Amino acid sequence: MRLAIGDAVYDRTDMTLGTVAGVINNVNGSCVVLRLSGEGLRQVMPYDLEIVARSSKATTAGRSLATGAAVITATATALFSSVAEAGATGAWVPTVLVGVGSYTAVMAIYRLWLRITGPRRIRV
């Protein structure tokens, strides 16, 4: 299971809801530290947890700008490569496939960047 600090989890042993505060090592192995409302902190084994919700941050202006730039770049790349392919072969099937492939390639690079710069997940 991969957890990030701030994820909402459900403890199956006594049916409590809490957020992940961190991971700690003890004699039994890795334990997840939960922050409970009003009760403080508790250590729970990872196999007793169920993920309820992932933590997320509000979208910043820079990330919105990067998303817009990625979509515009992907669309322009798809358009230019489709026009070049249509001029080379004239068939519509390769033209469509080249356009879709170009768009997908640019957006895959953008998604990789989002994954690298996103919140860190801890394997427990």
PDB file of N, CA and C in Angstrom:
ATOM      1  N   MET A   1       0.846  -1.162   0.000  1.00  0.00           N
ATOM      2  CA  MET A   1       0.000   0.000   0.000  1.00  0.00           C
ATOM      3  C   MET A   1       0.901   1.238   0.000  1.00  0.00           C
ATOM      4  N   ARG A   2       0.531   2.225  -0.772  1.00  0.00           N
ATOM      5  CA  ARG A   2       1.296   3.461  -0.833  1.00  0.00           C
ATOM      6  C   ARG A   2       0.473   4.578  -0.201  1.00  0.00           C
ATOM      7  N   LEU A   3       1.061   5.225   0.786  1.00  0.00           N
ATOM      8  CA  LEU A   3       0.378   6.284   1.526  1.00  0.00           C
ATOM      9  C   LEU A   3       1.176   7.574   1.461  1.00  0.00           C
ATOM     10  N   ALA A   4       0.478   8.683   1.514  1.00  0.00           N
ATOM     11  CA  ALA A   4       1.101  10.001   1.622  1.00  0.00           C
ATOM     12  C   ALA A   4       0.606  10.645   2.908  1.00  0.00           C
ATOM     13  N   ILE A   5       1.400  11.532   3.444  1.00  0.00           N
ATOM     14  CA  ILE A   5       0.976  12.245   4.643  1.00  0.00           C
ATOM     15  C   ILE A   5      -0.254  13.076   4.305  1.00  0.00           C
ATOM     16  N   GLY A   6      -1.296  12.927   5.101  1.00  0.00           N
ATOM     17  CA  GLY A   6      -2.548  13.638   4.881  1.00  0.00           C
ATOM     18  C   GLY A   6      -3.649  12.782   4.288  1.00  0.00           C
ATOM     19  N   ASP A   7      -3.343  11.554   3.848  1.00  0.00           N
ATOM     20  CA  ASP A   7      -4.378  10.664   3.333  1.00  0.00           C
ATOM     21  C   ASP A   7      -5.337  10.279   4.453  1.00  0.00           C
ATOM     22  N   ALA A   8      -6.615  10.221   4.145  1.00  0.00           N
ATOM     23  CA  ALA A   8      -7.611   9.774   5.113  1.00  0.00           C
ATOM     24  C   ALA A   8      -7.716   8.258   5.038  1.00  0.00           C
ATOM     25  N   VAL A   9      -7.583   7.601   6.182  1.00  0.00           N
ATOM     26  CA  VAL A   9      -7.625   6.139   6.235  1.00  0.00           C
ATOM     27  C   VAL A   9      -8.602   5.697   7.308  1.00  0.00           C
ATOM     28  N   TYR A  10      -9.041   4.451   7.170  1.00  0.00           N
ATOM     29  CA  TYR A  10     -10.001   3.840   8.070  1.00  0.00           C
ATOM     30  C   TYR A  10      -9.329   2.647   8.733  1.00  0.00           C
ATOM     31  N   ASP A  11      -9.325   2.633  10.058  1.00  0.00           N
ATOM     32  CA  ASP A  11      -8.737   1.529  10.816  1.00  0.00           C
ATOM     33  C   ASP A  11      -9.812   0.467  11.022  1.00  0.00           C
ATOM     34  N   ARG A  12      -9.597  -0.730  10.480  1.00  0.00           N
ATOM     35  CA  ARG A  12     -10.601  -1.795  10.543  1.00  0.00           C
ATOM     36  C   ARG A  12     -10.731  -2.423  11.926  1.00  0.00           C
ATOM     37  N   THR A  13      -9.714  -2.324  12.777  1.00  0.00           N
ATOM     38  CA  THR A  13      -9.766  -3.008  14.069  1.00  0.00           C
ATOM     39  C   THR A  13     -10.809  -2.401  15.000  1.00  0.00           C
ATOM     40  N   ASP A  14     -10.875  -1.072  15.064  1.00  0.00           N
ATOM     41  CA  ASP A  14     -11.873  -0.456  15.948  1.00  0.00           C
ATOM     42  C   ASP A  14     -12.702   0.609  15.232  1.00  0.00           C
ATOM     43  N   MET A  15     -12.706   0.574  13.916  1.00  0.00           N
ATOM     44  CA  MET A  15     -13.554   1.429  13.078  1.00  0.00           C
ATOM     45  C   MET A  15     -13.371   2.919  13.371  1.00  0.00           C
ATOM     46  N   THR A  16     -12.125   3.382  13.339  1.00  0.00           N
ATOM     47  CA  THR A  16     -11.851   4.801  13.526  1.00  0.00           C
ATOM     48  C   THR A  16     -11.315   5.385  12.222  1.00  0.00           C
ATOM     49  N   LEU A  17     -11.546   6.653  12.060  1.00  0.00           N
ATOM     50  CA  LEU A  17     -11.103   7.386  10.884  1.00  0.00           C
ATOM     51  C   LEU A  17     -10.006   8.353  11.300  1.00  0.00           C
ATOM     52  N   GLY A  18      -8.944   8.424  10.524  1.00  0.00           N
ATOM     53  CA  GLY A  18      -7.846   9.321  10.847  1.00  0.00           C
ATOM     54  C   GLY A  18      -7.071   9.692   9.606  1.00  0.00           C
ATOM     55  N   THR A  19      -6.105  10.575   9.769  1.00  0.00           N
ATOM     56  CA  THR A  19      -5.238  10.960   8.665  1.00  0.00           C
ATOM     57  C   THR A  19      -3.827  10.472   8.963  1.00  0.00           C
ATOM     58  N   VAL A  20      -3.101  10.161   7.907  1.00  0.00           N
ATOM     59  CA  VAL A  20      -1.741   9.654   8.048  1.00  0.00           C
ATOM     60  C   VAL A  20      -0.835  10.800   8.485  1.00  0.00           C
ATOM     61  N   ALA A  21      -0.105  10.579   9.596  1.00  0.00           N
ATOM     62  CA  ALA A  21       0.829  11.578  10.089  1.00  0.00           C
ATOM     63  C   ALA A  21       2.275  11.188   9.804  1.00  0.00           C
ATOM     64  N   GLY A  22       2.523   9.907   9.515  1.00  0.00           N
ATOM     65  CA  GLY A  22       3.875   9.463   9.221  1.00  0.00           C
ATOM     66  C   GLY A  22       4.002   7.958   9.335  1.00  0.00           C
ATOM     67  N   VAL A  23       5.220   7.483   9.187  1.00  0.00           N
ATOM     68  CA  VAL A  23       5.535   6.064   9.298  1.00  0.00           C
ATOM     69  C   VAL A  23       6.661   5.923  10.307  1.00  0.00           C
ATOM     70  N   ILE A  24       6.568   4.914  11.162  1.00  0.00           N
ATOM     71  CA  ILE A  24       7.564   4.685  12.199  1.00  0.00           C
ATOM     72  C   ILE A  24       7.922   3.203  12.205  1.00  0.00           C
ATOM     73  N   ASN A  25       9.166   2.902  12.539  1.00  0.00           N
ATOM     74  CA  ASN A  25       9.607   1.511  12.665  1.00  0.00           C
ATOM     75  C   ASN A  25       9.637   1.135  14.139  1.00  0.00           C
ATOM     76  N   ASN A  26       9.082  -0.046  14.456  1.00  0.00           N
ATOM     77  CA  ASN A  26       9.173  -0.569  15.816  1.00  0.00           C
ATOM     78  C   ASN A  26       9.537  -2.048  15.735  1.00  0.00           C
ATOM     79  N   VAL A  27       9.425  -2.767  16.833  1.00  0.00           N
ATOM     80  CA  VAL A  27       9.846  -4.173  16.851  1.00  0.00           C
ATOM     81  C   VAL A  27       8.976  -5.047  15.952  1.00  0.00           C
ATOM     82  N   ASN A  28       7.747  -4.661  15.685  1.00  0.00           N
ATOM     83  CA  ASN A  28       6.839  -5.438  14.842  1.00  0.00           C
ATOM     84  C   ASN A  28       6.998  -5.129  13.356  1.00  0.00           C
ATOM     85  N   GLY A  29       7.770  -4.129  13.005  1.00  0.00           N
ATOM     86  CA  GLY A  29       7.936  -3.713  11.617  1.00  0.00           C
ATOM     87  C   GLY A  29       7.490  -2.273  11.439  1.00  0.00           C
ATOM     88  N   SER A  30       7.118  -1.911  10.231  1.00  0.00           N
ATOM     89  CA  SER A  30       6.668  -0.551   9.959  1.00  0.00           C
ATOM     90  C   SER A  30       5.236  -0.350  10.436  1.00  0.00           C
ATOM     91  N   CYS A  31       5.019   0.748  11.124  1.00  0.00           N
ATOM     92  CA  CYS A  31       3.682   1.127  11.569  1.00  0.00           C
ATOM     93  C   CYS A  31       3.351   2.497  11.000  1.00  0.00           C
ATOM     94  N   VAL A  32       2.090   2.724  10.758  1.00  0.00           N
ATOM     95  CA  VAL A  32       1.608   4.010  10.278  1.00  0.00           C
ATOM     96  C   VAL A  32       1.097   4.788  11.485  1.00  0.00           C
ATOM     97  N   VAL A  33       1.506   6.028  11.608  1.00  0.00           N
ATOM     98  CA  VAL A  33       1.044   6.885  12.691  1.00  0.00           C
ATOM     99  C   VAL A  33      -0.164   7.654  12.184  1.00  0.00           C
ATOM    100  N   LEU A  34      -1.290   7.481  12.890  1.00  0.00           N
ATOM    101  CA  LEU A  34      -2.529   8.165  12.513  1.00  0.00           C
ATOM    102  C   LEU A  34      -2.792   9.321  13.458  1.00  0.00           C
ATOM    103  N   ARG A  35      -3.299  10.410  12.908  1.00  0.00           N
ATOM    104  CA  ARG A  35      -3.742  11.544  13.712  1.00  0.00           C
ATOM    105  C   ARG A  35      -5.271  11.440  13.792  1.00  0.00           C
ATOM    106  N   LEU A  36      -5.777  11.225  14.996  1.00  0.00           N
ATOM    107  CA  LEU A  36      -7.209  11.083  15.217  1.00  0.00           C
ATOM    108  C   LEU A  36      -7.769  12.380  15.775  1.00  0.00           C
ATOM    109  N   SER A  37      -9.033  12.632  15.527  1.00  0.00           N
ATOM    110  CA  SER A  37      -9.637  13.865  16.028  1.00  0.00           C
ATOM    111  C   SER A  37      -9.872  13.750  17.535  1.00  0.00           C
ATOM    112  N   GLY A  38      -9.285  14.634  18.291  1.00  0.00           N
ATOM    113  CA  GLY A  38      -9.485  14.689  19.723  1.00  0.00           C
ATOM    114  C   GLY A  38      -8.672  13.697  20.534  1.00  0.00           C
ATOM    115  N   GLU A  39      -8.144  12.635  19.936  1.00  0.00           N
ATOM    116  CA  GLU A  39      -7.427  11.609  20.697  1.00  0.00           C
ATOM    117  C   GLU A  39      -5.917  11.667  20.528  1.00  0.00           C
ATOM    118  N   GLY A  40      -5.416  12.454  19.640  1.00  0.00           N
ATOM    119  CA  GLY A  40      -3.977  12.528  19.438  1.00  0.00           C
ATOM    120  C   GLY A  40      -3.488  11.580  18.363  1.00  0.00           C
ATOM    121  N   LEU A  41      -2.395  10.868  18.650  1.00  0.00           N
ATOM    122  CA  LEU A  41      -1.758   9.995  17.670  1.00  0.00           C
ATOM    123  C   LEU A  41      -1.902   8.532  18.076  1.00  0.00           C
ATOM    124  N   ARG A  42      -1.879   7.642  17.057  1.00  0.00           N
ATOM    125  CA  ARG A  42      -1.963   6.210  17.294  1.00  0.00           C
ATOM    126  C   ARG A  42      -1.135   5.477  16.244  1.00  0.00           C
ATOM    127  N   GLN A  43      -0.462   4.406  16.650  1.00  0.00           N
ATOM    128  CA  GLN A  43       0.284   3.564  15.721  1.00  0.00           C
ATOM    129  C   GLN A  43      -0.599   2.397  15.291  1.00  0.00           C
ATOM    130  N   VAL A  44      -0.641   2.168  13.973  1.00  0.00           N
ATOM    131  CA  VAL A  44      -1.484   1.113  13.412  1.00  0.00           C
ATOM    132  C   VAL A  44      -0.663   0.341  12.397  1.00  0.00           C
ATOM    133  N   MET A  45      -0.850  -0.962  12.346  1.00  0.00           N
ATOM    134  CA  MET A  45      -0.191  -1.782  11.327  1.00  0.00           C
ATOM    135  C   MET A  45      -0.827  -1.492   9.962  1.00  0.00           C
ATOM    136  N   PRO A  46      -0.040  -1.489   8.887  1.00  0.00           N
ATOM    137  CA  PRO A  46      -0.560  -1.120   7.563  1.00  0.00           C
ATOM    138  C   PRO A  46      -1.662  -2.041   7.051  1.00  0.00           C
ATOM    139  N   TYR A  47      -1.637  -3.326   7.419  1.00  0.00           N
ATOM    140  CA  TYR A  47      -2.645  -4.241   6.894  1.00  0.00           C
ATOM    141  C   TYR A  47      -4.010  -4.028   7.551  1.00  0.00           C
ATOM    142  N   ASP A  48      -4.098  -3.213   8.607  1.00  0.00           N
ATOM    143  CA  ASP A  48      -5.370  -2.897   9.247  1.00  0.00           C
ATOM    144  C   ASP A  48      -6.026  -1.647   8.668  1.00  0.00           C
ATOM    145  N   LEU A  49      -5.408  -1.044   7.667  1.00  0.00           N
ATOM    146  CA  LEU A  49      -5.905   0.229   7.133  1.00  0.00           C
ATOM    147  C   LEU A  49      -6.597   0.066   5.788  1.00  0.00           C
ATOM    148  N   GLU A  50      -7.540   0.939   5.552  1.00  0.00           N
ATOM    149  CA  GLU A  50      -8.205   1.053   4.260  1.00  0.00           C
ATOM    150  C   GLU A  50      -8.176   2.519   3.868  1.00  0.00           C
ATOM    151  N   ILE A  51      -7.788   2.817   2.637  1.00  0.00           N
ATOM    152  CA  ILE A  51      -7.711   4.210   2.195  1.00  0.00           C
ATOM    153  C   ILE A  51      -9.116   4.711   1.883  1.00  0.00           C
ATOM    154  N   VAL A  52      -9.464   5.848   2.464  1.00  0.00           N
ATOM    155  CA  VAL A  52     -10.766   6.458   2.233  1.00  0.00           C
ATOM    156  C   VAL A  52     -10.644   7.564   1.193  1.00  0.00           C
ATOM    157  N   ALA A  53      -9.632   8.427   1.335  1.00  0.00           N
ATOM    158  CA  ALA A  53      -9.451   9.545   0.407  1.00  0.00           C
ATOM    159  C   ALA A  53      -7.979   9.916   0.345  1.00  0.00           C
ATOM    160  N   ARG A  54      -7.541  10.324  -0.819  1.00  0.00           N
ATOM    161  CA  ARG A  54      -6.175  10.797  -1.007  1.00  0.00           C
ATOM    162  C   ARG A  54      -6.110  12.288  -0.721  1.00  0.00           C
ATOM    163  N   SER A  55      -4.992  12.708  -0.138  1.00  0.00           N
ATOM    164  CA  SER A  55      -4.814  14.132   0.109  1.00  0.00           C
ATOM    165  C   SER A  55      -4.468  14.825  -1.202  1.00  0.00           C
ATOM    166  N   SER A  56      -4.926  16.034  -1.340  1.00  0.00           N
ATOM    167  CA  SER A  56      -4.606  16.793  -2.550  1.00  0.00           C
ATOM    168  C   SER A  56      -4.464  18.262  -2.178  1.00  0.00           C
ATOM    169  N   LYS A  57      -3.652  18.930  -2.947  1.00  0.00           N
ATOM    170  CA  LYS A  57      -3.441  20.357  -2.732  1.00  0.00           C
ATOM    171  C   LYS A  57      -4.211  21.130  -3.803  1.00  0.00           C
ATOM    172  N   ALA A  58      -4.526  22.361  -3.499  1.00  0.00           N
ATOM    173  CA  ALA A  58      -5.201  23.208  -4.470  1.00  0.00           C
ATOM    174  C   ALA A  58      -4.275  23.469  -5.657  1.00  0.00           C
ATOM    175  N   THR A  59      -4.849  23.558  -6.832  1.00  0.00           N
ATOM    176  CA  THR A  59      -4.068  23.809  -8.031  1.00  0.00           C
ATOM    177  C   THR A  59      -3.525  25.230  -7.999  1.00  0.00           C
ATOM    178  N   THR A  60      -2.234  25.360  -8.234  1.00  0.00           N
ATOM    179  CA  THR A  60      -1.609  26.675  -8.226  1.00  0.00           C
ATOM    180  C   THR A  60      -1.728  27.312  -9.612  1.00  0.00           C
ATOM    181  N   ALA A  61      -1.435  28.588  -9.674  1.00  0.00           N
ATOM    182  CA  ALA A  61      -1.496  29.294 -10.956  1.00  0.00           C
ATOM    183  C   ALA A  61      -0.429  28.756 -11.908  1.00  0.00           C
ATOM    184  N   GLY A  62       0.743  28.427 -11.387  1.00  0.00           N
ATOM    185  CA  GLY A  62       1.807  27.885 -12.227  1.00  0.00           C
ATOM    186  C   GLY A  62       1.444  26.538 -12.833  1.00  0.00           C
ATOM    187  N   ARG A  63       0.801  25.685 -12.031  1.00  0.00           N
ATOM    188  CA  ARG A  63       0.398  24.376 -12.546  1.00  0.00           C
ATOM    189  C   ARG A  63      -0.726  24.521 -13.578  1.00  0.00           C
ATOM    190  N   SER A  64      -1.639  25.456 -13.368  1.00  0.00           N
ATOM    191  CA  SER A  64      -2.693  25.708 -14.357  1.00  0.00           C
ATOM    192  C   SER A  64      -2.092  26.198 -15.666  1.00  0.00           C
ATOM    193  N   LEU A  65      -1.091  27.066 -15.574  1.00  0.00           N
ATOM    194  CA  LEU A  65      -0.410  27.560 -16.760  1.00  0.00           C
ATOM    195  C   LEU A  65       0.324  26.431 -17.478  1.00  0.00           C
ATOM    196  N   ALA A  66       0.981  25.556 -16.719  1.00  0.00           N
ATOM    197  CA  ALA A  66       1.678  24.418 -17.314  1.00  0.00           C
ATOM    198  C   ALA A  66       0.701  23.461 -17.999  1.00  0.00           C
ATOM    199  N   THR A  67      -0.462  23.246 -17.400  1.00  0.00           N
ATOM    200  CA  THR A  67      -1.469  22.386 -18.015  1.00  0.00           C
ATOM    201  C   THR A  67      -1.960  22.976 -19.334  1.00  0.00           C
ATOM    202  N   GLY A  68      -2.242  24.263 -19.321  1.00  0.00           N
ATOM    203  CA  GLY A  68      -2.678  24.925 -20.557  1.00  0.00           C
ATOM    204  C   GLY A  68      -1.611  24.864 -21.640  1.00  0.00           C
ATOM    205  N   ALA A  69      -0.365  25.083 -21.253  1.00  0.00           N
ATOM    206  CA  ALA A  69       0.732  25.022 -22.228  1.00  0.00           C
ATOM    207  C   ALA A  69       0.897  23.614 -22.776  1.00  0.00           C
ATOM    208  N   ALA A  70       0.729  22.600 -21.921  1.00  0.00           N
ATOM    209  CA  ALA A  70       0.856  21.216 -22.386  1.00  0.00           C
ATOM    210  C   ALA A  70      -0.260  20.862 -23.369  1.00  0.00           C
ATOM    211  N   VAL A  71      -1.479  21.277 -23.084  1.00  0.00           N
ATOM    212  CA  VAL A  71      -2.597  20.976 -23.987  1.00  0.00           C
ATOM    213  C   VAL A  71      -2.418  21.699 -25.315  1.00  0.00           C
ATOM    214  N   ILE A  72      -1.999  22.961 -25.284  1.00  0.00           N
ATOM    215  CA  ILE A  72      -1.788  23.716 -26.534  1.00  0.00           C
ATOM    216  C   ILE A  72      -0.641  23.106 -27.333  1.00  0.00           C
ATOM    217  N   THR A  73       0.445  22.744 -26.663  1.00  0.00           N
ATOM    218  CA  THR A  73       1.581  22.120 -27.348  1.00  0.00           C
ATOM    219  C   THR A  73       1.190  20.776 -27.951  1.00  0.00           C
ATOM    220  N   ALA A  74       0.432  19.971 -27.208  1.00  0.00           N
ATOM    221  CA  ALA A  74       0.006  18.662 -27.711  1.00  0.00           C
ATOM    222  C   ALA A  74      -0.921  18.811 -28.910  1.00  0.00           C
ATOM    223  N   THR A  75      -1.828  19.763 -28.851  1.00  0.00           N
ATOM    224  CA  THR A  75      -2.746  19.984 -29.972  1.00  0.00           C
ATOM    225  C   THR A  75      -1.997  20.483 -31.202  1.00  0.00           C
ATOM    226  N   ALA A  76      -1.076  21.419 -31.009  1.00  0.00           N
ATOM    227  CA  ALA A  76      -0.297  21.927 -32.144  1.00  0.00           C
ATOM    228  C   ALA A  76       0.569  20.832 -32.754  1.00  0.00           C
ATOM    229  N   THR A  77       1.185  20.011 -31.907  1.00  0.00           N
ATOM    230  CA  THR A  77       2.013  18.905 -32.404  1.00  0.00           C
ATOM    231  C   THR A  77       1.175  17.915 -33.200  1.00  0.00           C
ATOM    232  N   ALA A  78      -0.007  17.598 -32.681  1.00  0.00           N
ATOM    233  CA  ALA A  78      -0.902  16.673 -33.391  1.00  0.00           C
ATOM    234  C   ALA A  78      -1.333  17.260 -34.734  1.00  0.00           C
ATOM    235  N   LEU A  79      -1.641  18.542 -34.753  1.00  0.00           N
ATOM    236  CA  LEU A  79      -2.068  19.190 -35.997  1.00  0.00           C
ATOM    237  C   LEU A  79      -0.942  19.201 -37.026  1.00  0.00           C
ATOM    238  N   PHE A  80       0.240  19.627 -36.629  1.00  0.00           N
ATOM    239  CA  PHE A  80       1.357  19.708 -37.571  1.00  0.00           C
ATOM    240  C   PHE A  80       1.774  18.333 -38.087  1.00  0.00           C
ATOM    241  N   SER A  81       1.820  17.348 -37.205  1.00  0.00           N
ATOM    242  CA  SER A  81       2.210  16.014 -37.668  1.00  0.00           C
ATOM    243  C   SER A  81       1.141  15.391 -38.552  1.00  0.00           C
ATOM    244  N   SER A  82      -0.131  15.679 -38.300  1.00  0.00           N
ATOM    245  CA  SER A  82      -1.202  15.169 -39.155  1.00  0.00           C
ATOM    246  C   SER A  82      -1.155  15.795 -40.542  1.00  0.00           C
ATOM    247  N   VAL A  83      -0.889  17.091 -40.589  1.00  0.00           N
ATOM    248  CA  VAL A  83      -0.784  17.768 -41.887  1.00  0.00           C
ATOM    249  C   VAL A  83       0.403  17.222 -42.677  1.00  0.00           C
ATOM    250  N   ALA A  84       1.520  16.995 -41.999  1.00  0.00           N
ATOM    251  CA  ALA A  84       2.694  16.447 -42.676  1.00  0.00           C
ATOM    252  C   ALA A  84       2.419  15.029 -43.181  1.00  0.00           C
ATOM    253  N   GLU A  85       1.742  14.223 -42.383  1.00  0.00           N
ATOM    254  CA  GLU A  85       1.415  12.857 -42.800  1.00  0.00           C
ATOM    255  C   GLU A  85       0.408  12.859 -43.941  1.00  0.00           C
ATOM    256  N   ALA A  86      -0.562  13.751 -43.906  1.00  0.00           N
ATOM    257  CA  ALA A  86      -1.547  13.820 -44.984  1.00  0.00           C
ATOM    258  C   ALA A  86      -0.877  14.217 -46.288  1.00  0.00           C
ATOM    259  N   GLY A  87       0.129  15.089 -46.231  1.00  0.00           N
ATOM    260  CA  GLY A  87       0.856  15.468 -47.432  1.00  0.00           C
ATOM    261  C   GLY A  87       1.732  14.349 -47.958  1.00  0.00           C
ATOM    262  N   ALA A  88       2.190  13.494 -47.067  1.00  0.00           N
ATOM    263  CA  ALA A  88       3.081  12.403 -47.484  1.00  0.00           C
ATOM    264  C   ALA A  88       2.318  11.241 -48.101  1.00  0.00           C
ATOM    265  N   THR A  89       1.219  10.821 -47.462  1.00  0.00           N
ATOM    266  CA  THR A  89       0.514   9.636 -47.954  1.00  0.00           C
ATOM    267  C   THR A  89      -0.850   9.954 -48.535  1.00  0.00           C
ATOM    268  N   GLY A  90      -1.579  10.864 -47.952  1.00  0.00           N
ATOM    269  CA  GLY A  90      -2.903  11.202 -48.441  1.00  0.00           C
ATOM    270  C   GLY A  90      -4.001  10.304 -47.890  1.00  0.00           C
ATOM    271  N   ALA A  91      -3.655   9.249 -47.165  1.00  0.00           N
ATOM    272  CA  ALA A  91      -4.655   8.360 -46.582  1.00  0.00           C
ATOM    273  C   ALA A  91      -5.097   8.910 -45.228  1.00  0.00           C
ATOM    274  N   TRP A  92      -6.365   8.733 -44.899  1.00  0.00           N
ATOM    275  CA  TRP A  92      -6.877   9.333 -43.672  1.00  0.00           C
ATOM    276  C   TRP A  92      -6.558   8.504 -42.420  1.00  0.00           C
ATOM    277  N   VAL A  93      -6.429   7.186 -42.540  1.00  0.00           N
ATOM    278  CA  VAL A  93      -6.165   6.357 -41.364  1.00  0.00           C
ATOM    279  C   VAL A  93      -4.788   6.659 -40.753  1.00  0.00           C
ATOM    280  N   PRO A  94      -3.704   6.654 -41.535  1.00  0.00           N
ATOM    281  CA  PRO A  94      -2.415   7.010 -40.919  1.00  0.00           C
ATOM    282  C   PRO A  94      -2.373   8.447 -40.417  1.00  0.00           C
ATOM    283  N   THR A  95      -3.097   9.336 -41.080  1.00  0.00           N
ATOM    284  CA  THR A  95      -3.124  10.732 -40.658  1.00  0.00           C
ATOM    285  C   THR A  95      -3.735  10.857 -39.270  1.00  0.00           C
ATOM    286  N   VAL A  96      -4.852  10.176 -39.038  1.00  0.00           N
ATOM    287  CA  VAL A  96      -5.508  10.214 -37.730  1.00  0.00           C
ATOM    288  C   VAL A  96      -4.631   9.553 -36.673  1.00  0.00           C
ATOM    289  N   LEU A  97      -4.033   8.411 -37.013  1.00  0.00           N
ATOM    290  CA  LEU A  97      -3.193   7.703 -36.048  1.00  0.00           C
ATOM    291  C   LEU A  97      -1.957   8.511 -35.660  1.00  0.00           C
ATOM    292  N   VAL A  98      -1.358   9.197 -36.613  1.00  0.00           N
ATOM    293  CA  VAL A  98      -0.195  10.034 -36.310  1.00  0.00           C
ATOM    294  C   VAL A  98      -0.599  11.203 -35.411  1.00  0.00           C
ATOM    295  N   GLY A  99      -1.753  11.798 -35.673  1.00  0.00           N
ATOM    296  CA  GLY A  99      -2.228  12.900 -34.835  1.00  0.00           C
ATOM    297  C   GLY A  99      -2.503  12.464 -33.408  1.00  0.00           C
ATOM    298  N   VAL A 100      -3.176  11.332 -33.252  1.00  0.00           N
ATOM    299  CA  VAL A 100      -3.480  10.821 -31.915  1.00  0.00           C
ATOM    300  C   VAL A 100      -2.191  10.421 -31.194  1.00  0.00           C
ATOM    301  N   GLY A 101      -1.280   9.801 -31.901  1.00  0.00           N
ATOM    302  CA  GLY A 101      -0.013   9.412 -31.295  1.00  0.00           C
ATOM    303  C   GLY A 101       0.813  10.598 -30.859  1.00  0.00           C
ATOM    304  N   SER A 102       0.838  11.643 -31.648  1.00  0.00           N
ATOM    305  CA  SER A 102       1.587  12.850 -31.286  1.00  0.00           C
ATOM    306  C   SER A 102       0.999  13.514 -30.048  1.00  0.00           C
ATOM    307  N   TYR A 103      -0.317  13.623 -30.008  1.00  0.00           N
ATOM    308  CA  TYR A 103      -0.985  14.216 -28.842  1.00  0.00           C
ATOM    309  C   TYR A 103      -0.701  13.384 -27.587  1.00  0.00           C
ATOM    310  N   THR A 104      -0.813  12.069 -27.712  1.00  0.00           N
ATOM    311  CA  THR A 104      -0.589  11.176 -26.584  1.00  0.00           C
ATOM    312  C   THR A 104       0.852  11.246 -26.086  1.00  0.00           C
ATOM    313  N   ALA A 105       1.804  11.361 -26.993  1.00  0.00           N
ATOM    314  CA  ALA A 105       3.216  11.430 -26.600  1.00  0.00           C
ATOM    315  C   ALA A 105       3.502  12.687 -25.776  1.00  0.00           C
ATOM    316  N   VAL A 106       2.989  13.815 -26.204  1.00  0.00           N
ATOM    317  CA  VAL A 106       3.232  15.065 -25.469  1.00  0.00           C
ATOM    318  C   VAL A 106       2.535  15.025 -24.107  1.00  0.00           C
ATOM    319  N   MET A 107       1.303  14.527 -24.067  1.00  0.00           N
ATOM    320  CA  MET A 107       0.586  14.475 -22.801  1.00  0.00           C
ATOM    321  C   MET A 107       1.190  13.438 -21.850  1.00  0.00           C
ATOM    322  N   ALA A 108       1.796  12.380 -22.377  1.00  0.00           N
ATOM    323  CA  ALA A 108       2.469  11.395 -21.523  1.00  0.00           C
ATOM    324  C   ALA A 108       3.665  12.024 -20.820  1.00  0.00           C
ATOM    325  N   ILE A 109       4.389  12.867 -21.526  1.00  0.00           N
ATOM    326  CA  ILE A 109       5.520  13.576 -20.911  1.00  0.00           C
ATOM    327  C   ILE A 109       5.014  14.515 -19.815  1.00  0.00           C
ATOM    328  N   TYR A 110       3.903  15.194 -20.058  1.00  0.00           N
ATOM    329  CA  TYR A 110       3.321  16.079 -19.052  1.00  0.00           C
ATOM    330  C   TYR A 110       2.862  15.286 -17.824  1.00  0.00           C
ATOM    331  N   ARG A 111       2.219  14.145 -18.030  1.00  0.00           N
ATOM    332  CA  ARG A 111       1.772  13.312 -16.908  1.00  0.00           C
ATOM    333  C   ARG A 111       2.962  12.772 -16.109  1.00  0.00           C
ATOM    334  N   LEU A 112       4.047  12.457 -16.789  1.00  0.00           N
ATOM    335  CA  LEU A 112       5.256  12.014 -16.097  1.00  0.00           C
ATOM    336  C   LEU A 112       5.799  13.136 -15.211  1.00  0.00           C
ATOM    337  N   TRP A 113       5.802  14.344 -15.727  1.00  0.00           N
ATOM    338  CA  TRP A 113       6.233  15.496 -14.944  1.00  0.00           C
ATOM    339  C   TRP A 113       5.331  15.680 -13.714  1.00  0.00           C
ATOM    340  N   LEU A 114       4.015  15.512 -13.885  1.00  0.00           N
ATOM    341  CA  LEU A 114       3.102  15.620 -12.744  1.00  0.00           C
ATOM    342  C   LEU A 114       3.383  14.547 -11.707  1.00  0.00           C
ATOM    343  N   ARG A 115       3.694  13.357 -12.171  1.00  0.00           N
ATOM    344  CA  ARG A 115       3.967  12.252 -11.242  1.00  0.00           C
ATOM    345  C   ARG A 115       5.258  12.497 -10.456  1.00  0.00           C
ATOM    346  N   ILE A 116       6.259  13.040 -11.131  1.00  0.00           N
ATOM    347  CA  ILE A 116       7.535  13.305 -10.469  1.00  0.00           C
ATOM    348  C   ILE A 116       7.405  14.434  -9.453  1.00  0.00           C
ATOM    349  N   THR A 117       6.664  15.467  -9.793  1.00  0.00           N
ATOM    350  CA  THR A 117       6.550  16.625  -8.909  1.00  0.00           C
ATOM    351  C   THR A 117       5.375  16.536  -7.957  1.00  0.00           C
ATOM    352  N   GLY A 118       4.587  15.458  -7.998  1.00  0.00           N
ATOM    353  CA  GLY A 118       3.424  15.303  -7.132  1.00  0.00           C
ATOM    354  C   GLY A 118       3.802  14.902  -5.725  1.00  0.00           C
ATOM    355  N   PRO A 119       2.794  14.620  -4.901  1.00  0.00           N
ATOM    356  CA  PRO A 119       3.083  14.243  -3.514  1.00  0.00           C
ATOM    357  C   PRO A 119       3.789  12.901  -3.432  1.00  0.00           C
ATOM    358  N   ARG A 120       4.665  12.758  -2.472  1.00  0.00           N
ATOM    359  CA  ARG A 120       5.413  11.528  -2.296  1.00  0.00           C
ATOM    360  C   ARG A 120       4.553  10.486  -1.603  1.00  0.00           C
ATOM    361  N   ARG A 121       4.603   9.275  -2.114  1.00  0.00           N
ATOM    362  CA  ARG A 121       3.890   8.159  -1.519  1.00  0.00           C
ATOM    363  C   ARG A 121       4.885   7.241  -0.841  1.00  0.00           C
ATOM    364  N   ILE A 122       4.545   6.735   0.319  1.00  0.00           N
ATOM    365  CA  ILE A 122       5.425   5.864   1.092  1.00  0.00           C
ATOM    366  C   ILE A 122       4.847   4.455   1.037  1.00  0.00           C
ATOM    367  N   ARG A 123       5.677   3.483   0.650  1.00  0.00           N
ATOM    368  CA  ARG A 123       5.213   2.099   0.628  1.00  0.00           C
ATOM    369  C   ARG A 123       5.344   1.517   2.022  1.00  0.00           C
ATOM    370  N   VAL A 124       4.214   1.041   2.559  1.00  0.00           N
ATOM    371  CA  VAL A 124       4.223   0.407   3.886  1.00  0.00           C
ATOM    372  C   VAL A 124       3.662  -0.988   3.789  1.00  0.00           C
TER     373      VAL A 124
END
